[in-house]
Full PDB file with SEQRES, HELIX, SHEET, SSBOND, CRYST1, ORIGX, SCALE, CONECT and MASTER records, all heavy atoms in Angstrom:
SEQRES   1 A   33  PRO MET THR VAL PHE SER GLY THR ARG ASP VAL LEU ALA          
SEQRES   2 A   33  THR ASP SER ARG GLU LEU VAL ARG ARG ALA ARG GLU ALA          
SEQRES   3 A   33  GLY ALA GLU VAL GLU LEU HIS                                  
HELIX    1 AA1 ALA A   13  GLU A   25  1                                  13    
SHEET    1 AA1 2 MET A   2  VAL A   4  0                                        
SHEET    2 AA1 2 VAL A  30  LEU A  32  1                                        
CRYST1    1.000    1.000    1.000  90.00  90.00  90.00 P 1           1          
ORIGX1      1.000000  0.000000  0.000000        0.00000                         
ORIGX2      0.000000  1.000000  0.000000        0.00000                         
ORIGX3      0.000000  0.000000  1.000000        0.00000                         
SCALE1      1.000000  0.000000  0.000000        0.00000                         
SCALE2      0.000000  1.000000  0.000000        0.00000                         
SCALE3      0.000000  0.000000  1.000000        0.00000                         
ATOM      1  N   PRO A   1       0.849  -1.170   0.007  1.00  0.00           N  
ATOM      2  CA  PRO A   1       0.002   0.005  -0.017  1.00  0.00           C  
ATOM      3  C   PRO A   1       0.862   1.261   0.001  1.00  0.00           C  
ATOM      4  O   PRO A   1       1.944   1.296   0.604  1.00  0.00           O  
ATOM      5  CB  PRO A   1      -0.777  -0.108   1.279  1.00  0.00           C  
ATOM      6  CG  PRO A   1      -0.810  -1.558   1.603  1.00  0.00           C  
ATOM      7  CD  PRO A   1       0.486  -2.074   1.123  1.00  0.00           C  
ATOM      8  N   MET A   2       0.410   2.263  -0.690  1.00  0.00           N  
ATOM      9  CA  MET A   2       1.189   3.499  -0.792  1.00  0.00           C  
ATOM     10  C   MET A   2       0.300   4.713  -0.719  1.00  0.00           C  
ATOM     11  O   MET A   2      -0.924   4.625  -1.017  1.00  0.00           O  
ATOM     12  CB  MET A   2       2.043   3.507  -2.029  1.00  0.00           C  
ATOM     13  CG  MET A   2       1.285   3.632  -3.312  1.00  0.00           C  
ATOM     14  SD  MET A   2       2.389   3.729  -4.785  1.00  0.00           S  
ATOM     15  CE  MET A   2       2.466   2.002  -5.108  1.00  0.00           C  
ATOM     16  N   THR A   3       0.925   5.843  -0.382  1.00  0.00           N  
ATOM     17  CA  THR A   3       0.212   7.141  -0.371  1.00  0.00           C  
ATOM     18  C   THR A   3       1.042   8.116  -1.271  1.00  0.00           C  
ATOM     19  O   THR A   3       2.289   8.160  -1.131  1.00  0.00           O  
ATOM     20  CB  THR A   3       0.110   7.715   1.069  1.00  0.00           C  
ATOM     21  OG1 THR A   3      -0.518   6.745   1.835  1.00  0.00           O  
ATOM     22  CG2 THR A   3      -0.635   9.055   1.057  1.00  0.00           C  
ATOM     23  N   VAL A   4       0.389   8.786  -2.168  1.00  0.00           N  
ATOM     24  CA  VAL A   4       1.076   9.657  -3.137  1.00  0.00           C  
ATOM     25  C   VAL A   4       0.546  11.052  -2.927  1.00  0.00           C  
ATOM     26  O   VAL A   4      -0.690  11.253  -2.823  1.00  0.00           O  
ATOM     27  CB  VAL A   4       0.777   9.159  -4.581  1.00  0.00           C  
ATOM     28  CG1 VAL A   4       1.388  10.159  -5.604  1.00  0.00           C  
ATOM     29  CG2 VAL A   4       1.254   7.758  -4.768  1.00  0.00           C  
ATOM     30  N   PHE A   5       1.437  11.998  -2.870  1.00  0.00           N  
ATOM     31  CA  PHE A   5       1.109  13.412  -2.742  1.00  0.00           C  
ATOM     32  C   PHE A   5       1.651  14.139  -4.001  1.00  0.00           C  
ATOM     33  O   PHE A   5       2.777  13.959  -4.387  1.00  0.00           O  
ATOM     34  CB  PHE A   5       1.800  14.043  -1.525  1.00  0.00           C  
ATOM     35  CG  PHE A   5       1.329  13.454  -0.207  1.00  0.00           C  
ATOM     36  CD1 PHE A   5       1.955  12.343   0.337  1.00  0.00           C  
ATOM     37  CD2 PHE A   5       0.266  14.008   0.506  1.00  0.00           C  
ATOM     38  CE1 PHE A   5       1.515  11.795   1.513  1.00  0.00           C  
ATOM     39  CE2 PHE A   5      -0.183  13.478   1.649  1.00  0.00           C  
ATOM     40  CZ  PHE A   5       0.452  12.375   2.208  1.00  0.00           C  
ATOM     41  N   SER A   6       0.781  14.928  -4.605  1.00  0.00           N  
ATOM     42  CA  SER A   6       1.155  15.658  -5.783  1.00  0.00           C  
ATOM     43  C   SER A   6       0.362  16.927  -5.843  1.00  0.00           C  
ATOM     44  O   SER A   6      -0.753  17.030  -5.392  1.00  0.00           O  
ATOM     45  CB  SER A   6       0.834  14.822  -7.048  1.00  0.00           C  
ATOM     46  OG  SER A   6       1.208  15.487  -8.176  1.00  0.00           O  
ATOM     47  N   GLY A   7       0.988  17.966  -6.514  1.00  0.00           N  
ATOM     48  CA  GLY A   7       0.275  19.222  -6.769  1.00  0.00           C  
ATOM     49  C   GLY A   7      -0.031  19.306  -8.224  1.00  0.00           C  
ATOM     50  O   GLY A   7       0.694  18.736  -9.092  1.00  0.00           O  
ATOM     51  N   THR A   8      -1.046  20.005  -8.581  1.00  0.00           N  
ATOM     52  CA  THR A   8      -1.457  20.151  -9.994  1.00  0.00           C  
ATOM     53  C   THR A   8      -0.526  21.084 -10.785  1.00  0.00           C  
ATOM     54  O   THR A   8      -0.607  21.068 -12.033  1.00  0.00           O  
ATOM     55  CB  THR A   8      -2.903  20.642 -10.134  1.00  0.00           C  
ATOM     56  OG1 THR A   8      -2.999  21.928  -9.546  1.00  0.00           O  
ATOM     57  CG2 THR A   8      -3.894  19.652  -9.520  1.00  0.00           C  
ATOM     58  N   ARG A   9       0.320  21.797 -10.114  1.00  0.00           N  
ATOM     59  CA  ARG A   9       1.327  22.644 -10.837  1.00  0.00           C  
ATOM     60  C   ARG A   9       2.712  21.991 -10.822  1.00  0.00           C  
ATOM     61  O   ARG A   9       3.725  22.650 -10.978  1.00  0.00           O  
ATOM     62  CB  ARG A   9       1.382  24.015 -10.182  1.00  0.00           C  
ATOM     63  CG  ARG A   9       0.112  24.823 -10.491  1.00  0.00           C  
ATOM     64  CD  ARG A   9       0.206  26.183  -9.884  1.00  0.00           C  
ATOM     65  NE  ARG A   9       1.308  26.991 -10.431  1.00  0.00           N  
ATOM     66  CZ  ARG A   9       1.781  28.094  -9.841  1.00  0.00           C  
ATOM     67  NH1 ARG A   9       1.264  28.515  -8.712  1.00  0.00           N  
ATOM     68  NH2 ARG A   9       2.750  28.748 -10.409  1.00  0.00           N  
ATOM     69  N   ASP A  10       2.766  20.720 -10.646  1.00  0.00           N  
ATOM     70  CA  ASP A  10       3.971  19.960 -10.632  1.00  0.00           C  
ATOM     71  C   ASP A  10       4.126  19.259 -11.963  1.00  0.00           C  
ATOM     72  O   ASP A  10       3.248  18.493 -12.387  1.00  0.00           O  
ATOM     73  CB  ASP A  10       3.961  18.901  -9.511  1.00  0.00           C  
ATOM     74  CG  ASP A  10       5.137  18.026  -9.408  1.00  0.00           C  
ATOM     75  OD1 ASP A  10       6.035  18.151 -10.227  1.00  0.00           O  
ATOM     76  OD2 ASP A  10       5.144  17.191  -8.442  1.00  0.00           O  
ATOM     77  N   VAL A  11       5.221  19.523 -12.731  1.00  0.00           N  
ATOM     78  CA  VAL A  11       5.438  18.907 -14.012  1.00  0.00           C  
ATOM     79  C   VAL A  11       5.420  17.398 -13.882  1.00  0.00           C  
ATOM     80  O   VAL A  11       5.085  16.687 -14.846  1.00  0.00           O  
ATOM     81  CB  VAL A  11       6.732  19.404 -14.638  1.00  0.00           C  
ATOM     82  CG1 VAL A  11       7.972  18.929 -13.990  1.00  0.00           C  
ATOM     83  CG2 VAL A  11       6.776  19.104 -16.128  1.00  0.00           C  
ATOM     84  N   LEU A  12       5.714  16.869 -12.718  1.00  0.00           N  
ATOM     85  CA  LEU A  12       5.705  15.403 -12.476  1.00  0.00           C  
ATOM     86  C   LEU A  12       4.365  14.856 -12.073  1.00  0.00           C  
ATOM     87  O   LEU A  12       4.245  13.686 -11.771  1.00  0.00           O  
ATOM     88  CB  LEU A  12       6.794  15.017 -11.479  1.00  0.00           C  
ATOM     89  CG  LEU A  12       8.253  15.386 -11.930  1.00  0.00           C  
ATOM     90  CD1 LEU A  12       9.238  15.094 -10.830  1.00  0.00           C  
ATOM     91  CD2 LEU A  12       8.607  14.724 -13.234  1.00  0.00           C  
ATOM     92  N   ALA A  13       3.352  15.711 -11.999  1.00  0.00           N  
ATOM     93  CA  ALA A  13       2.031  15.204 -11.610  1.00  0.00           C  
ATOM     94  C   ALA A  13       1.541  14.124 -12.573  1.00  0.00           C  
ATOM     95  O   ALA A  13       0.843  13.189 -12.183  1.00  0.00           O  
ATOM     96  CB  ALA A  13       1.002  16.334 -11.624  1.00  0.00           C  
ATOM     97  N   THR A  14       2.010  14.165 -13.816  1.00  0.00           N  
ATOM     98  CA  THR A  14       1.612  13.151 -14.794  1.00  0.00           C  
ATOM     99  C   THR A  14       2.125  11.807 -14.335  1.00  0.00           C  
ATOM    100  O   THR A  14       1.414  10.799 -14.460  1.00  0.00           O  
ATOM    101  CB  THR A  14       2.166  13.475 -16.169  1.00  0.00           C  
ATOM    102  OG1 THR A  14       3.630  13.597 -16.110  1.00  0.00           O  
ATOM    103  CG2 THR A  14       1.572  14.753 -16.716  1.00  0.00           C  
ATOM    104  N   ASP A  15       3.372  11.731 -13.858  1.00  0.00           N  
ATOM    105  CA  ASP A  15       3.931  10.535 -13.367  1.00  0.00           C  
ATOM    106  C   ASP A  15       3.180   9.985 -12.130  1.00  0.00           C  
ATOM    107  O   ASP A  15       2.949   8.805 -11.950  1.00  0.00           O  
ATOM    108  CB  ASP A  15       5.412  10.672 -13.073  1.00  0.00           C  
ATOM    109  CG  ASP A  15       6.313  10.785 -14.301  1.00  0.00           C  
ATOM    110  OD1 ASP A  15       5.701  10.748 -15.442  1.00  0.00           O  
ATOM    111  OD2 ASP A  15       7.477  10.921 -14.189  1.00  0.00           O  
ATOM    112  N   SER A  16       2.856  10.900 -11.266  1.00  0.00           N  
ATOM    113  CA  SER A  16       2.074  10.531 -10.028  1.00  0.00           C  
ATOM    114  C   SER A  16       0.793   9.902 -10.402  1.00  0.00           C  
ATOM    115  O   SER A  16       0.393   8.834  -9.900  1.00  0.00           O  
ATOM    116  CB  SER A  16       1.860  11.745  -9.107  1.00  0.00           C  
ATOM    117  OG  SER A  16       3.040  12.195  -8.615  1.00  0.00           O  
ATOM    118  N   ARG A  17       0.050  10.533 -11.345  1.00  0.00           N  
ATOM    119  CA  ARG A  17      -1.256  10.014 -11.819  1.00  0.00           C  
ATOM    120  C   ARG A  17      -1.105   8.635 -12.439  1.00  0.00           C  
ATOM    121  O   ARG A  17      -1.889   7.699 -12.259  1.00  0.00           O  
ATOM    122  CB  ARG A  17      -1.884  10.984 -12.729  1.00  0.00           C  
ATOM    123  CG  ARG A  17      -2.338  12.284 -12.071  1.00  0.00           C  
ATOM    124  CD  ARG A  17      -2.832  13.248 -13.115  1.00  0.00           C  
ATOM    125  NE  ARG A  17      -2.959  14.551 -12.483  1.00  0.00           N  
ATOM    126  CZ  ARG A  17      -2.632  15.657 -13.131  1.00  0.00           C  
ATOM    127  NH1 ARG A  17      -2.168  15.643 -14.365  1.00  0.00           N  
ATOM    128  NH2 ARG A  17      -2.714  16.832 -12.562  1.00  0.00           N  
ATOM    129  N   GLU A  18      -0.047   8.534 -13.249  1.00  0.00           N  
ATOM    130  CA  GLU A  18       0.197   7.229 -13.960  1.00  0.00           C  
ATOM    131  C   GLU A  18       0.543   6.154 -12.984  1.00  0.00           C  
ATOM    132  O   GLU A  18       0.081   5.023 -13.105  1.00  0.00           O  
ATOM    133  CB  GLU A  18       1.293   7.442 -15.029  1.00  0.00           C  
ATOM    134  CG  GLU A  18       1.539   6.193 -15.888  1.00  0.00           C  
ATOM    135  CD  GLU A  18       0.394   5.871 -16.849  1.00  0.00           C  
ATOM    136  OE1 GLU A  18      -0.516   6.628 -16.961  1.00  0.00           O  
ATOM    137  OE2 GLU A  18       0.453   4.811 -17.433  1.00  0.00           O  
ATOM    138  N   LEU A  19       1.419   6.466 -11.993  1.00  0.00           N  
ATOM    139  CA  LEU A  19       1.725   5.517 -10.959  1.00  0.00           C  
ATOM    140  C   LEU A  19       0.465   5.037 -10.260  1.00  0.00           C  
ATOM    141  O   LEU A  19       0.248   3.797 -10.048  1.00  0.00           O  
ATOM    142  CB  LEU A  19       2.681   6.099  -9.949  1.00  0.00           C  
ATOM    143  CG  LEU A  19       2.947   5.286  -8.693  1.00  0.00           C  
ATOM    144  CD1 LEU A  19       3.698   3.974  -9.061  1.00  0.00           C  
ATOM    145  CD2 LEU A  19       3.639   6.097  -7.639  1.00  0.00           C  
ATOM    146  N   VAL A  20      -0.380   5.940  -9.855  1.00  0.00           N  
ATOM    147  CA  VAL A  20      -1.618   5.569  -9.100  1.00  0.00           C  
ATOM    148  C   VAL A  20      -2.485   4.732 -10.013  1.00  0.00           C  
ATOM    149  O   VAL A  20      -2.957   3.657  -9.578  1.00  0.00           O  
ATOM    150  CB  VAL A  20      -2.291   6.828  -8.681  1.00  0.00           C  
ATOM    151  CG1 VAL A  20      -3.732   6.526  -8.164  1.00  0.00           C  
ATOM    152  CG2 VAL A  20      -1.569   7.581  -7.585  1.00  0.00           C  
ATOM    153  N   ARG A  21      -2.688   5.103 -11.208  1.00  0.00           N  
ATOM    154  CA  ARG A  21      -3.573   4.339 -12.186  1.00  0.00           C  
ATOM    155  C   ARG A  21      -3.026   2.910 -12.340  1.00  0.00           C  
ATOM    156  O   ARG A  21      -3.769   1.920 -12.173  1.00  0.00           O  
ATOM    157  CB  ARG A  21      -3.640   5.030 -13.489  1.00  0.00           C  
ATOM    158  CG  ARG A  21      -4.592   4.376 -14.447  1.00  0.00           C  
ATOM    159  CD  ARG A  21      -4.549   5.007 -15.852  1.00  0.00           C  
ATOM    160  NE  ARG A  21      -3.288   4.805 -16.561  1.00  0.00           N  
ATOM    161  CZ  ARG A  21      -2.929   3.645 -17.125  1.00  0.00           C  
ATOM    162  NH1 ARG A  21      -3.704   2.612 -17.102  1.00  0.00           N  
ATOM    163  NH2 ARG A  21      -1.761   3.546 -17.775  1.00  0.00           N  
ATOM    164  N   ARG A  22      -1.726   2.832 -12.658  1.00  0.00           N  
ATOM    165  CA  ARG A  22      -1.213   1.502 -13.006  1.00  0.00           C  
ATOM    166  C   ARG A  22      -1.082   0.647 -11.716  1.00  0.00           C  
ATOM    167  O   ARG A  22      -1.267  -0.621 -11.827  1.00  0.00           O  
ATOM    168  CB  ARG A  22       0.206   1.667 -13.668  1.00  0.00           C  
ATOM    169  CG  ARG A  22       0.005   2.209 -15.107  1.00  0.00           C  
ATOM    170  CD  ARG A  22       1.146   2.083 -15.969  1.00  0.00           C  
ATOM    171  NE  ARG A  22       1.825   0.813 -15.856  1.00  0.00           N  
ATOM    172  CZ  ARG A  22       3.154   0.668 -15.702  1.00  0.00           C  
ATOM    173  NH1 ARG A  22       3.947   1.681 -15.722  1.00  0.00           N  
ATOM    174  NH2 ARG A  22       3.671  -0.591 -15.628  1.00  0.00           N  
ATOM    175  N   ALA A  23      -0.713   1.237 -10.618  1.00  0.00           N  
ATOM    176  CA  ALA A  23      -0.575   0.476  -9.343  1.00  0.00           C  
ATOM    177  C   ALA A  23      -1.932  -0.093  -8.937  1.00  0.00           C  
ATOM    178  O   ALA A  23      -2.079  -1.274  -8.587  1.00  0.00           O  
ATOM    179  CB  ALA A  23      -0.012   1.312  -8.255  1.00  0.00           C  
ATOM    180  N   ARG A  24      -2.973   0.704  -9.087  1.00  0.00           N  
ATOM    181  CA  ARG A  24      -4.337   0.237  -8.850  1.00  0.00           C  
ATOM    182  C   ARG A  24      -4.764  -0.900  -9.712  1.00  0.00           C  
ATOM    183  O   ARG A  24      -5.317  -1.868  -9.305  1.00  0.00           O  
ATOM    184  CB  ARG A  24      -5.301   1.357  -8.866  1.00  0.00           C  
ATOM    185  CG  ARG A  24      -5.239   2.345  -7.652  1.00  0.00           C  
ATOM    186  CD  ARG A  24      -6.201   3.455  -7.769  1.00  0.00           C  
ATOM    187  NE  ARG A  24      -6.181   4.295  -6.546  1.00  0.00           N  
ATOM    188  CZ  ARG A  24      -6.646   5.517  -6.500  1.00  0.00           C  
ATOM    189  NH1 ARG A  24      -7.181   6.111  -7.500  1.00  0.00           N  
ATOM    190  NH2 ARG A  24      -6.577   6.236  -5.368  1.00  0.00           N  
ATOM    191  N   GLU A  25      -4.466  -0.708 -11.012  1.00  0.00           N  
ATOM    192  CA  GLU A  25      -4.778  -1.788 -11.971  1.00  0.00           C  
ATOM    193  C   GLU A  25      -4.053  -3.079 -11.632  1.00  0.00           C  
ATOM    194  O   GLU A  25      -4.538  -4.169 -11.881  1.00  0.00           O  
ATOM    195  CB  GLU A  25      -4.326  -1.350 -13.408  1.00  0.00           C  
ATOM    196  CG  GLU A  25      -5.293  -0.378 -14.071  1.00  0.00           C  
ATOM    197  CD  GLU A  25      -4.819   0.035 -15.439  1.00  0.00           C  
ATOM    198  OE1 GLU A  25      -3.736  -0.417 -15.908  1.00  0.00           O  
ATOM    199  OE2 GLU A  25      -5.529   0.826 -16.052  1.00  0.00           O  
ATOM    200  N   ALA A  26      -2.872  -2.941 -11.049  1.00  0.00           N  
ATOM    201  CA  ALA A  26      -2.045  -4.138 -10.615  1.00  0.00           C  
ATOM    202  C   ALA A  26      -2.501  -4.665  -9.279  1.00  0.00           C  
ATOM    203  O   ALA A  26      -1.912  -5.703  -8.811  1.00  0.00           O  
ATOM    204  CB  ALA A  26      -0.607  -3.784 -10.642  1.00  0.00           C  
ATOM    205  N   GLY A  27      -3.521  -4.069  -8.663  1.00  0.00           N  
ATOM    206  CA  GLY A  27      -4.027  -4.567  -7.426  1.00  0.00           C  
ATOM    207  C   GLY A  27      -3.508  -3.927  -6.162  1.00  0.00           C  
ATOM    208  O   GLY A  27      -3.898  -4.336  -5.046  1.00  0.00           O  
ATOM    209  N   ALA A  28      -2.662  -2.904  -6.295  1.00  0.00           N  
ATOM    210  CA  ALA A  28      -2.148  -2.194  -5.108  1.00  0.00           C  
ATOM    211  C   ALA A  28      -3.201  -1.234  -4.511  1.00  0.00           C  
ATOM    212  O   ALA A  28      -4.021  -0.661  -5.235  1.00  0.00           O  
ATOM    213  CB  ALA A  28      -0.958  -1.440  -5.445  1.00  0.00           C  
ATOM    214  N   GLU A  29      -3.095  -1.056  -3.233  1.00  0.00           N  
ATOM    215  CA  GLU A  29      -3.930  -0.098  -2.518  1.00  0.00           C  
ATOM    216  C   GLU A  29      -3.182   1.247  -2.563  1.00  0.00           C  
ATOM    217  O   GLU A  29      -2.088   1.298  -2.112  1.00  0.00           O  
ATOM    218  CB  GLU A  29      -4.167  -0.554  -1.071  1.00  0.00           C  
ATOM    219  CG  GLU A  29      -4.979   0.367  -0.223  1.00  0.00           C  
ATOM    220  CD  GLU A  29      -5.007  -0.075   1.209  1.00  0.00           C  
ATOM    221  OE1 GLU A  29      -5.059  -1.274   1.464  1.00  0.00           O  
ATOM    222  OE2 GLU A  29      -4.980   0.825   2.095  1.00  0.00           O  
ATOM    223  N   VAL A  30      -3.828   2.247  -3.159  1.00  0.00           N  
ATOM    224  CA  VAL A  30      -3.156   3.559  -3.291  1.00  0.00           C  
ATOM    225  C   VAL A  30      -4.060   4.699  -2.843  1.00  0.00           C  
ATOM    226  O   VAL A  30      -5.171   4.755  -3.257  1.00  0.00           O  
ATOM    227  CB  VAL A  30      -2.717   3.814  -4.770  1.00  0.00           C  
ATOM    228  CG1 VAL A  30      -1.948   5.108  -4.918  1.00  0.00           C  
ATOM    229  CG2 VAL A  30      -1.916   2.666  -5.364  1.00  0.00           C  
ATOM    230  N   GLU A  31      -3.518   5.545  -2.022  1.00  0.00           N  
ATOM    231  CA  GLU A  31      -4.172   6.755  -1.531  1.00  0.00           C  
ATOM    232  C   GLU A  31      -3.541   7.941  -2.272  1.00  0.00           C  
ATOM    233  O   GLU A  31      -2.324   8.083  -2.185  1.00  0.00           O  
ATOM    234  CB  GLU A  31      -4.021   6.855  -0.032  1.00  0.00           C  
ATOM    235  CG  GLU A  31      -4.639   8.033   0.635  1.00  0.00           C  
ATOM    236  CD  GLU A  31      -4.374   8.036   2.115  1.00  0.00           C  
ATOM    237  OE1 GLU A  31      -4.182   6.977   2.762  1.00  0.00           O  
ATOM    238  OE2 GLU A  31      -4.236   9.127   2.669  1.00  0.00           O  
ATOM    239  N   LEU A  32      -4.339   8.709  -2.991  1.00  0.00           N  
ATOM    240  CA  LEU A  32      -3.784   9.840  -3.737  1.00  0.00           C  
ATOM    241  C   LEU A  32      -4.292  11.107  -3.100  1.00  0.00           C  
ATOM    242  O   LEU A  32      -5.489  11.316  -2.864  1.00  0.00           O  
ATOM    243  CB  LEU A  32      -4.206   9.771  -5.230  1.00  0.00           C  
ATOM    244  CG  LEU A  32      -3.892  11.025  -6.042  1.00  0.00           C  
ATOM    245  CD1 LEU A  32      -2.364  11.202  -6.162  1.00  0.00           C  
ATOM    246  CD2 LEU A  32      -4.531  10.934  -7.394  1.00  0.00           C  
ATOM    247  N   HIS A  33      -3.371  12.055  -2.910  1.00  0.00           N  
ATOM    248  CA  HIS A  33      -3.645  13.415  -2.453  1.00  0.00           C  
ATOM    249  C   HIS A  33      -3.064  14.332  -3.505  1.00  0.00           C  
ATOM    250  O   HIS A  33      -1.874  14.523  -3.628  1.00  0.00           O  
ATOM    251  CB  HIS A  33      -3.006  13.729  -1.125  1.00  0.00           C  
ATOM    252  CG  HIS A  33      -3.447  12.852  -0.049  1.00  0.00           C  
ATOM    253  ND1 HIS A  33      -4.506  13.176   0.824  1.00  0.00           N  
ATOM    254  CD2 HIS A  33      -2.997  11.598   0.409  1.00  0.00           C  
ATOM    255  CE1 HIS A  33      -4.659  12.203   1.670  1.00  0.00           C  
ATOM    256  NE2 HIS A  33      -3.757  11.253   1.468  1.00  0.00           N  
TER     257      HIS A  33                                                      
MASTER        0    0    0    1    2    0    0    6  256    1    0    3          
END                                                                             
């Protein structure tokens, strides 16, 4: 299980969103802020 923190003005927000999406698809428990 993981928790991800990201801001919408972060150029790396795309990577955070992709991590959350793919980890959830793989069955991981993910909390996104």
